[in-house]
């Protein structure tokens, strides 16, 4: 529970500072933004490497995972669709059928899709469920859920910038990475102390930035490969030794806290924009005018919609008790680092305004509710054993 509270506090603290620092730092703010952005990318890469390390499947039984992947895909898709459509109903009159508005909201609302594998696994293990069917099934679904979220970012990026020829290269790299990850799953025994993984994360970010800036010198747009997938695949090909020391867990937690703080810090200034039509960008001007009270109401509604979509596993695994199926569904309610990473990417496309504020605050509210969700899962798990 302490970890969840700290996650939320870090995100909120970063969010508050993001509104104050531009005025405080003045001309130095751009340099600060560059450093904090690179640090955030390293932290995100670190987190995704660890998510990839948990991706441990028996390739000889790959067909048995087809149902799990389908369930995970739907469990990620439904919250995304529900939130995207709801965001479109909030748009000013006449914009519901506007393609640019749809593109922005399809990308922004994707934050609702991923389950926080790191938070979920840690808390379920802490309440004594690590050896249960519920834990093992949630582990598989949560990792597939995150993988599906990462893969869908490619077509969403194509929607944002069009099918430029540079994206053909990105698509090729994506499929090459997936092929490598599958063929060499858990194949390499590499050092896995926390500082080794930080080094791997720095290398991933360096290569991503080097490719982008080098290609930009030759071509207008440049080739930008987000760190999410390369970092995840790197984690996949590392053989997880499962012998982390206490210092490794402490360092991983600290980096996650820093990441959530920096995600909050990366938010654009919207304090003065919420009651006016925009902050100067086309995205902001297409968004509705809202007061803080209205934003609070929409945060609650978006939270309900996004978690309603996560109940999809109830429709499957009919050989298990209803309480077990409900437990894995509620377990999938947890959000965190990956969802915050999606918001960070959306900001990179200059998406801001009230809908961004709703997305960030929904993430904060869901984090605050995580302890309650885990207690519900534990109660349902005990009920399934006793019943």
Protein backbone atom coordinates (compact mmCIF):
# COMPACT_ATOMS: atom_id res chain seq x y z
CA UNK A 1 0.00 0.00 0.00
CA UNK A 2 2.91 2.32 0.80
CA UNK A 3 4.23 1.90 -2.75
CA UNK A 4 0.89 2.88 -4.29
CA UNK A 5 0.58 5.98 -2.09
CA UNK A 6 4.12 7.05 -3.02
CA UNK A 7 3.38 6.49 -6.72
CA UNK A 8 0.37 8.76 -6.48
CA UNK A 9 2.20 11.42 -4.45
CA UNK A 10 5.10 11.46 -6.92
CA UNK A 11 2.74 11.89 -9.86
CA UNK A 12 0.80 14.68 -8.12
CA UNK A 13 4.00 16.44 -6.96
CA UNK A 14 5.38 16.36 -10.50
CA UNK A 15 2.07 17.63 -11.86
CA UNK A 16 2.08 20.61 -9.48
CA UNK A 17 5.70 21.48 -10.28
CA UNK A 18 5.01 21.25 -14.01
CA UNK A 19 2.67 24.22 -13.62
CA UNK A 20 5.15 26.28 -11.58
CA UNK A 21 8.61 25.61 -13.02
CA UNK A 22 8.23 27.38 -16.40
CA UNK A 23 7.85 30.72 -14.58
CA UNK A 24 10.49 29.89 -11.95
CA UNK A 25 13.20 28.73 -14.37
CA UNK A 26 12.44 31.16 -17.18
CA UNK A 27 14.94 30.82 -20.03
CA UNK A 28 16.58 27.78 -18.39
CA UNK A 29 13.36 25.78 -18.58
CA UNK A 30 14.08 24.34 -22.05
CA UNK A 31 17.41 22.88 -20.89
CA UNK A 32 15.75 21.45 -17.80
CA UNK A 33 13.01 19.95 -19.99
CA UNK A 34 15.61 18.24 -22.20
CA UNK A 35 17.42 16.64 -19.26
CA UNK A 36 14.21 15.56 -17.50
CA UNK A 37 12.85 14.12 -20.77
CA UNK A 38 15.94 11.96 -21.32
CA UNK A 39 15.88 10.84 -17.68
CA UNK A 40 12.21 9.93 -18.05
CA UNK A 41 12.98 7.85 -21.16
CA UNK A 42 15.73 5.97 -19.30
CA UNK A 43 13.35 5.26 -16.41
CA UNK A 44 10.64 4.07 -18.81
CA UNK A 45 13.16 1.84 -20.59
CA UNK A 46 14.26 0.39 -17.22
CA UNK A 47 10.65 -0.40 -16.32
CA UNK A 48 9.88 -2.00 -19.69
CA UNK A 49 13.02 -4.17 -19.53
CA UNK A 50 11.75 -5.53 -16.21
CA UNK A 51 8.27 -6.11 -17.68
CA UNK A 52 9.92 -8.03 -20.54
CA UNK A 53 11.92 -10.12 -18.06
CA UNK A 54 8.63 -11.39 -16.63
CA UNK A 55 7.58 -12.60 -20.11
CA UNK A 56 8.28 -16.30 -19.48
CA UNK A 57 6.32 -18.64 -21.77
CA UNK A 58 6.67 -22.27 -22.86
CA UNK A 59 7.09 -21.88 -26.63
CA UNK A 60 6.22 -25.55 -27.19
CA UNK A 61 2.72 -24.81 -25.89
CA UNK A 62 2.23 -21.53 -27.72
CA UNK A 63 -1.24 -22.54 -28.96
CA UNK A 64 -2.46 -22.78 -25.37
CA UNK A 65 -1.76 -19.07 -24.96
CA UNK A 66 -4.00 -18.03 -27.86
CA UNK A 67 -7.10 -17.66 -25.65
CA UNK A 68 -5.11 -15.76 -23.03
CA UNK A 69 -3.80 -13.34 -25.65
CA UNK A 70 -7.30 -12.81 -27.05
CA UNK A 71 -8.70 -12.14 -23.56
CA UNK A 72 -5.82 -9.77 -22.78
CA UNK A 73 -6.28 -7.96 -26.09
CA UNK A 74 -9.99 -7.43 -25.43
CA UNK A 75 -9.30 -6.46 -21.81
CA UNK A 76 -6.98 -3.74 -23.12
CA UNK A 77 -9.19 -2.72 -26.05
CA UNK A 78 -12.53 -2.23 -24.29
CA UNK A 79 -11.38 0.41 -21.75
CA UNK A 80 -9.59 2.22 -24.58
CA UNK A 81 -12.67 2.21 -26.82
CA UNK A 82 -15.02 3.22 -23.98
CA UNK A 83 -12.81 6.15 -22.95
CA UNK A 84 -12.11 7.27 -26.54
CA UNK A 85 -15.82 7.39 -27.40
CA UNK A 86 -16.59 9.17 -24.12
CA UNK A 87 -13.90 11.76 -24.83
CA UNK A 88 -15.44 12.36 -28.24
CA UNK A 89 -18.85 13.02 -26.65
CA UNK A 90 -17.18 15.79 -24.62
CA UNK A 91 -15.86 17.58 -27.70
CA UNK A 92 -17.44 20.88 -28.78
CA UNK A 93 -20.50 20.61 -31.02
CA UNK A 94 -19.71 19.55 -34.56
CA UNK A 95 -16.39 17.85 -33.77
CA UNK A 96 -17.66 14.32 -33.07
CA UNK A 97 -17.00 13.32 -36.68
CA UNK A 98 -13.77 15.32 -36.97
CA UNK A 99 -10.93 12.96 -37.92
CA UNK A 100 -8.18 15.02 -36.24
CA UNK A 101 -10.13 14.98 -32.97
CA UNK A 102 -10.55 11.20 -33.23
CA UNK A 103 -6.83 10.70 -33.86
CA UNK A 104 -5.83 12.72 -30.81
CA UNK A 105 -8.36 11.03 -28.54
CA UNK A 106 -7.57 7.52 -29.77
CA UNK A 107 -3.95 8.08 -28.79
CA UNK A 108 -4.62 9.86 -25.49
CA UNK A 109 -7.30 7.39 -24.32
CA UNK A 110 -4.91 4.47 -24.83
CA UNK A 111 -3.58 5.26 -21.33
CA UNK A 112 -6.64 3.38 -20.01
CA UNK A 113 -5.62 0.12 -21.72
CA UNK A 114 -2.50 -1.26 -19.99
CA UNK A 115 -2.47 -3.01 -16.63
CA UNK A 116 0.47 -2.18 -14.35
CA UNK A 117 2.27 -5.52 -14.28
CA UNK A 118 4.94 -4.35 -11.84
CA UNK A 119 2.53 -2.98 -9.23
CA UNK A 120 0.14 -5.90 -9.66
CA UNK A 121 2.69 -8.70 -9.26
CA UNK A 122 4.31 -7.04 -6.24
CA UNK A 123 1.05 -6.51 -4.36
CA UNK A 124 -0.48 -9.92 -5.16
CA UNK A 125 2.69 -11.61 -3.93
CA UNK A 126 2.61 -9.43 -0.79
CA UNK A 127 -0.89 -10.67 0.13
CA UNK A 128 0.12 -14.33 -0.29
CA UNK A 129 -1.34 -15.21 -3.70
CA UNK A 130 1.87 -16.00 -5.61
CA UNK A 131 1.21 -19.75 -5.82
CA UNK A 132 -2.47 -19.43 -6.78
CA UNK A 133 -4.13 -19.95 -10.18
CA UNK A 134 -5.40 -16.38 -9.94
CA UNK A 135 -1.86 -14.98 -9.68
CA UNK A 136 -0.52 -17.09 -12.55
CA UNK A 137 -3.45 -16.22 -14.83
CA UNK A 138 -3.27 -12.51 -14.01
CA UNK A 139 0.48 -12.60 -14.66
CA UNK A 140 -0.05 -14.01 -18.16
CA UNK A 141 -2.92 -11.64 -18.98
CA UNK A 142 -1.16 -8.53 -17.64
CA UNK A 143 1.98 -9.16 -19.69
CA UNK A 144 -0.02 -9.87 -22.87
CA UNK A 145 -2.08 -6.76 -22.06
CA UNK A 146 1.06 -4.60 -21.93
CA UNK A 147 2.45 -6.22 -25.10
CA UNK A 148 -0.78 -5.50 -26.99
CA UNK A 149 -0.68 -1.88 -25.81
CA UNK A 150 2.89 -1.47 -27.06
CA UNK A 151 2.12 -3.03 -30.45
CA UNK A 152 -0.96 -0.88 -31.04
CA UNK A 153 1.13 2.25 -30.53
CA UNK A 154 2.57 1.67 -34.02
CA UNK A 155 -0.72 2.08 -35.97
CA UNK A 156 -1.68 4.93 -33.62
CA UNK A 157 1.55 6.71 -34.50
CA UNK A 158 0.77 6.13 -38.18
CA UNK A 159 -2.61 7.79 -37.61
CA UNK A 160 -0.89 10.78 -36.03
CA UNK A 161 1.71 11.46 -38.72
CA UNK A 162 0.46 9.49 -41.73
CA UNK A 163 2.11 6.54 -43.48
CA UNK A 164 5.31 8.36 -44.30
CA UNK A 165 8.09 6.29 -45.76
CA UNK A 166 10.06 6.62 -42.51
CA UNK A 167 7.31 4.65 -40.77
CA UNK A 168 7.89 1.75 -43.17
CA UNK A 169 11.34 1.47 -41.59
CA UNK A 170 9.81 1.69 -38.11
CA UNK A 171 7.34 -1.09 -38.97
CA UNK A 172 10.19 -3.26 -40.29
CA UNK A 173 12.15 -2.66 -37.07
CA UNK A 174 9.09 -3.54 -34.97
CA UNK A 175 8.58 -6.89 -36.70
CA UNK A 176 12.32 -7.60 -36.57
CA UNK A 177 12.31 -6.92 -32.82
CA UNK A 178 9.27 -9.17 -32.28
CA UNK A 179 10.91 -11.96 -34.28
CA UNK A 180 14.10 -11.59 -32.25
CA UNK A 181 12.17 -11.56 -28.98
CA UNK A 182 10.28 -14.75 -29.83
CA UNK A 183 13.23 -16.67 -31.31
CA UNK A 184 15.59 -15.74 -28.47
CA UNK A 185 13.05 -15.70 -25.62
CA UNK A 186 14.96 -16.06 -22.32
CA UNK A 187 18.06 -17.10 -24.30
CA UNK A 188 20.75 -14.78 -22.94
CA UNK A 189 22.19 -14.98 -19.46
CA UNK A 190 23.15 -11.37 -18.80
CA UNK A 191 23.98 -9.61 -15.50
CA UNK A 192 20.72 -8.48 -13.90
CA UNK A 193 21.58 -6.31 -10.93
CA UNK A 194 19.68 -3.03 -10.90
CA UNK A 195 22.67 -1.02 -12.12
CA UNK A 196 23.15 -3.41 -15.06
CA UNK A 197 19.53 -2.86 -16.10
CA UNK A 198 19.99 0.91 -15.77
CA UNK A 199 22.97 0.59 -18.12
CA UNK A 200 20.88 -1.43 -20.61
CA UNK A 201 18.16 1.24 -20.39
CA UNK A 202 20.66 4.01 -21.11
CA UNK A 203 21.92 2.09 -24.16
CA UNK A 204 18.35 1.66 -25.47
CA UNK A 205 17.63 5.39 -25.08
CA UNK A 206 20.99 6.34 -26.60
CA UNK A 207 20.37 4.17 -29.67
CA UNK A 208 16.82 5.51 -30.06
CA UNK A 209 18.00 9.12 -29.85
CA UNK A 210 21.03 8.48 -32.08
CA UNK A 211 18.88 6.93 -34.81
CA UNK A 212 16.41 9.82 -34.61
CA UNK A 213 18.94 12.66 -34.70
CA UNK A 214 21.15 11.01 -37.35
CA UNK A 215 18.20 10.30 -39.65
CA UNK A 216 16.86 13.83 -39.10
CA UNK A 217 20.07 15.25 -40.59
CA UNK A 218 19.25 13.41 -43.81
CA UNK A 219 15.45 13.36 -43.82
CA UNK A 220 12.90 15.92 -42.66
CA UNK A 221 10.94 13.89 -40.11
CA UNK A 222 13.60 11.50 -38.91
CA UNK A 223 13.07 7.90 -37.79
CA UNK A 224 11.82 7.83 -34.20
CA UNK A 225 11.62 4.43 -32.52
CA UNK A 226 9.97 4.76 -29.10
CA UNK A 227 11.85 2.97 -26.32
CA UNK A 228 8.81 0.93 -25.20
CA UNK A 229 9.21 -2.01 -27.60
CA UNK A 230 13.05 -2.24 -27.83
CA UNK A 231 13.27 -2.19 -24.03
CA UNK A 232 10.51 -4.80 -23.69
CA UNK A 233 12.17 -7.11 -26.25
CA UNK A 234 15.53 -6.72 -24.53
CA UNK A 235 13.86 -7.87 -21.32
CA UNK A 236 12.30 -10.81 -23.18
CA UNK A 237 15.63 -12.19 -24.41
CA UNK A 238 17.26 -11.97 -20.97
CA UNK A 239 16.93 -15.16 -18.93
CA UNK A 240 15.32 -14.01 -15.69
CA UNK A 241 17.30 -15.48 -12.79
CA UNK A 242 14.65 -14.55 -10.16
CA UNK A 243 17.35 -13.94 -7.57
CA UNK A 244 16.98 -10.21 -7.02
CA UNK A 245 18.45 -8.82 -3.83
CA UNK A 246 16.71 -6.37 -1.56
CA UNK A 247 18.79 -3.54 -3.05
CA UNK A 248 17.51 -4.45 -6.53
CA UNK A 249 13.89 -4.14 -5.40
CA UNK A 250 14.64 -0.87 -3.60
CA UNK A 251 16.38 0.58 -6.66
CA UNK A 252 13.55 -0.55 -8.97
CA UNK A 253 11.01 1.09 -6.68
CA UNK A 254 13.03 4.31 -6.53
CA UNK A 255 13.31 4.45 -10.32
CA UNK A 256 9.55 3.88 -10.62
CA UNK A 257 8.92 6.76 -8.20
CA UNK A 258 11.26 8.99 -10.21
CA UNK A 259 9.47 7.95 -13.40
CA UNK A 260 6.03 8.83 -12.03
CA UNK A 261 7.37 12.18 -10.76
CA UNK A 262 8.91 12.98 -14.15
CA UNK A 263 5.70 11.99 -15.96
CA UNK A 264 3.90 14.56 -13.81
CA UNK A 265 6.68 17.06 -14.55
CA UNK A 266 6.27 16.52 -18.30
CA UNK A 267 2.69 17.80 -18.29
CA UNK A 268 2.16 21.04 -20.24
CA UNK A 269 0.92 24.12 -18.38
CA UNK A 270 -2.86 23.83 -18.33
CA UNK A 271 -3.86 25.65 -15.14
CA UNK A 272 -4.79 28.77 -17.10
CA UNK A 273 -6.18 26.88 -20.08
CA UNK A 274 -8.95 24.81 -18.53
CA UNK A 275 -11.53 27.57 -18.63
CA UNK A 276 -10.52 28.88 -22.04
CA UNK A 277 -10.72 27.18 -25.38
CA UNK A 278 -7.07 26.44 -25.80
CA UNK A 279 -3.43 26.88 -25.19
CA UNK A 280 -2.48 27.82 -28.70
CA UNK A 281 -2.25 24.39 -30.34
CA UNK A 282 -4.81 22.93 -32.70
CA UNK A 283 -5.33 20.06 -30.26
CA UNK A 284 -6.17 22.41 -27.37
CA UNK A 285 -8.52 24.55 -29.45
CA UNK A 286 -10.54 21.47 -30.42
CA UNK A 287 -11.16 20.62 -26.76
CA UNK A 288 -14.13 21.61 -24.58
CA UNK A 289 -14.17 24.40 -21.99
CA UNK A 290 -14.28 22.90 -18.47
CA UNK A 291 -14.18 23.98 -14.85
CA UNK A 292 -12.32 21.97 -12.21
CA UNK A 293 -15.64 20.64 -10.91
CA UNK A 294 -16.54 19.31 -14.34
CA UNK A 295 -13.09 17.76 -14.69
CA UNK A 296 -13.56 15.99 -11.33
CA UNK A 297 -16.88 14.52 -12.49
CA UNK A 298 -15.35 13.32 -15.76
CA UNK A 299 -12.44 11.74 -13.87
CA UNK A 300 -14.90 9.59 -11.90
CA UNK A 301 -16.82 8.62 -15.06
CA UNK A 302 -13.64 7.76 -17.00
CA UNK A 303 -12.42 5.67 -14.04
CA UNK A 304 -15.68 3.69 -14.04
CA UNK A 305 -15.65 3.22 -17.84
CA UNK A 306 -12.02 2.12 -17.99
CA UNK A 307 -12.50 -0.43 -15.20
CA UNK A 308 -15.79 -1.65 -16.65
CA UNK A 309 -13.89 -2.68 -19.78
CA UNK A 310 -11.42 -4.64 -17.63
CA UNK A 311 -14.23 -7.00 -16.56
CA UNK A 312 -14.03 -8.82 -19.91
CA UNK A 313 -12.30 -11.95 -18.45
CA UNK A 314 -15.60 -12.73 -16.68
CA UNK A 315 -16.88 -14.00 -20.04
CA UNK A 316 -14.15 -16.65 -20.30
CA UNK A 317 -12.54 -19.40 -18.18
CA UNK A 318 -16.00 -20.83 -17.42
CA UNK A 319 -14.38 -23.92 -15.86
CA UNK A 320 -13.33 -21.72 -12.94
CA UNK A 321 -15.56 -20.27 -10.23
CA UNK A 322 -17.18 -16.87 -10.74
CA UNK A 323 -15.24 -15.48 -7.77
CA UNK A 324 -11.94 -16.48 -9.42
CA UNK A 325 -12.91 -14.89 -12.74
CA UNK A 326 -14.02 -11.74 -10.94
CA UNK A 327 -10.73 -11.72 -9.02
CA UNK A 328 -8.59 -11.74 -12.17
CA UNK A 329 -10.81 -9.04 -13.71
CA UNK A 330 -10.46 -6.74 -10.69
CA UNK A 331 -6.74 -7.49 -10.60
CA UNK A 332 -6.51 -6.04 -14.11
CA UNK A 333 -7.88 -2.71 -12.80
CA UNK A 334 -4.41 -1.64 -11.63
CA UNK A 335 -2.75 1.06 -13.73
CA UNK A 336 0.64 2.70 -13.46
CA UNK A 337 3.90 3.08 -15.33
CA UNK A 338 2.89 1.90 -18.81
CA UNK A 339 -0.27 4.03 -18.83
CA UNK A 340 1.81 7.00 -17.71
CA UNK A 341 4.23 6.23 -20.55
CA UNK A 342 1.36 6.44 -23.05
CA UNK A 343 0.41 9.87 -21.68
CA UNK A 344 4.05 10.93 -22.04
CA UNK A 345 4.02 9.88 -25.72
CA UNK A 346 0.72 11.72 -26.28
CA UNK A 347 2.27 14.90 -24.89
CA UNK A 348 5.03 14.48 -27.48
CA UNK A 349 2.34 14.96 -30.15
CA UNK A 350 1.29 18.26 -28.50
CA UNK A 351 -1.93 16.82 -27.07
CA UNK A 352 -2.97 18.92 -24.07
CA UNK A 353 -5.99 20.67 -22.62
CA UNK A 354 -8.71 19.44 -20.24
CA UNK A 355 -8.76 15.88 -21.64
CA UNK A 356 -5.08 15.48 -20.77
CA UNK A 357 -5.85 16.71 -17.24
CA UNK A 358 -8.70 14.17 -16.98
CA UNK A 359 -6.38 11.37 -18.14
CA UNK A 360 -3.65 12.25 -15.64
CA UNK A 361 -6.07 12.63 -12.72
CA UNK A 362 -7.82 9.37 -13.66
CA UNK A 363 -4.45 7.63 -13.46
CA UNK A 364 -3.86 9.19 -10.03
CA UNK A 365 -7.31 8.12 -8.77
CA UNK A 366 -6.80 4.57 -10.04
CA UNK A 367 -3.43 4.41 -8.27
CA UNK A 368 -5.06 5.53 -5.02
CA UNK A 369 -7.67 2.77 -5.41
CA UNK A 370 -5.12 0.02 -6.14
CA UNK A 371 -4.79 -1.12 -2.53
CA UNK A 372 -8.58 -1.49 -2.34
CA UNK A 373 -8.59 -3.50 -5.60
CA UNK A 374 -5.90 -5.89 -4.31
CA UNK A 375 -7.79 -6.45 -1.06
CA UNK A 376 -10.88 -7.34 -3.11
CA UNK A 377 -8.82 -9.82 -5.15
CA UNK A 378 -7.50 -11.41 -1.95
CA UNK A 379 -11.00 -11.67 -0.48
CA UNK A 380 -12.34 -13.30 -3.65
CA UNK A 381 -9.37 -15.68 -3.80
CA UNK A 382 -9.99 -16.81 -0.22
CA UNK A 383 -13.70 -17.20 -0.99
CA UNK A 384 -12.94 -19.43 -3.99
CA UNK A 385 -10.75 -21.68 -1.80
CA UNK A 386 -13.28 -21.89 1.02
CA UNK A 387 -16.27 -22.28 -1.31
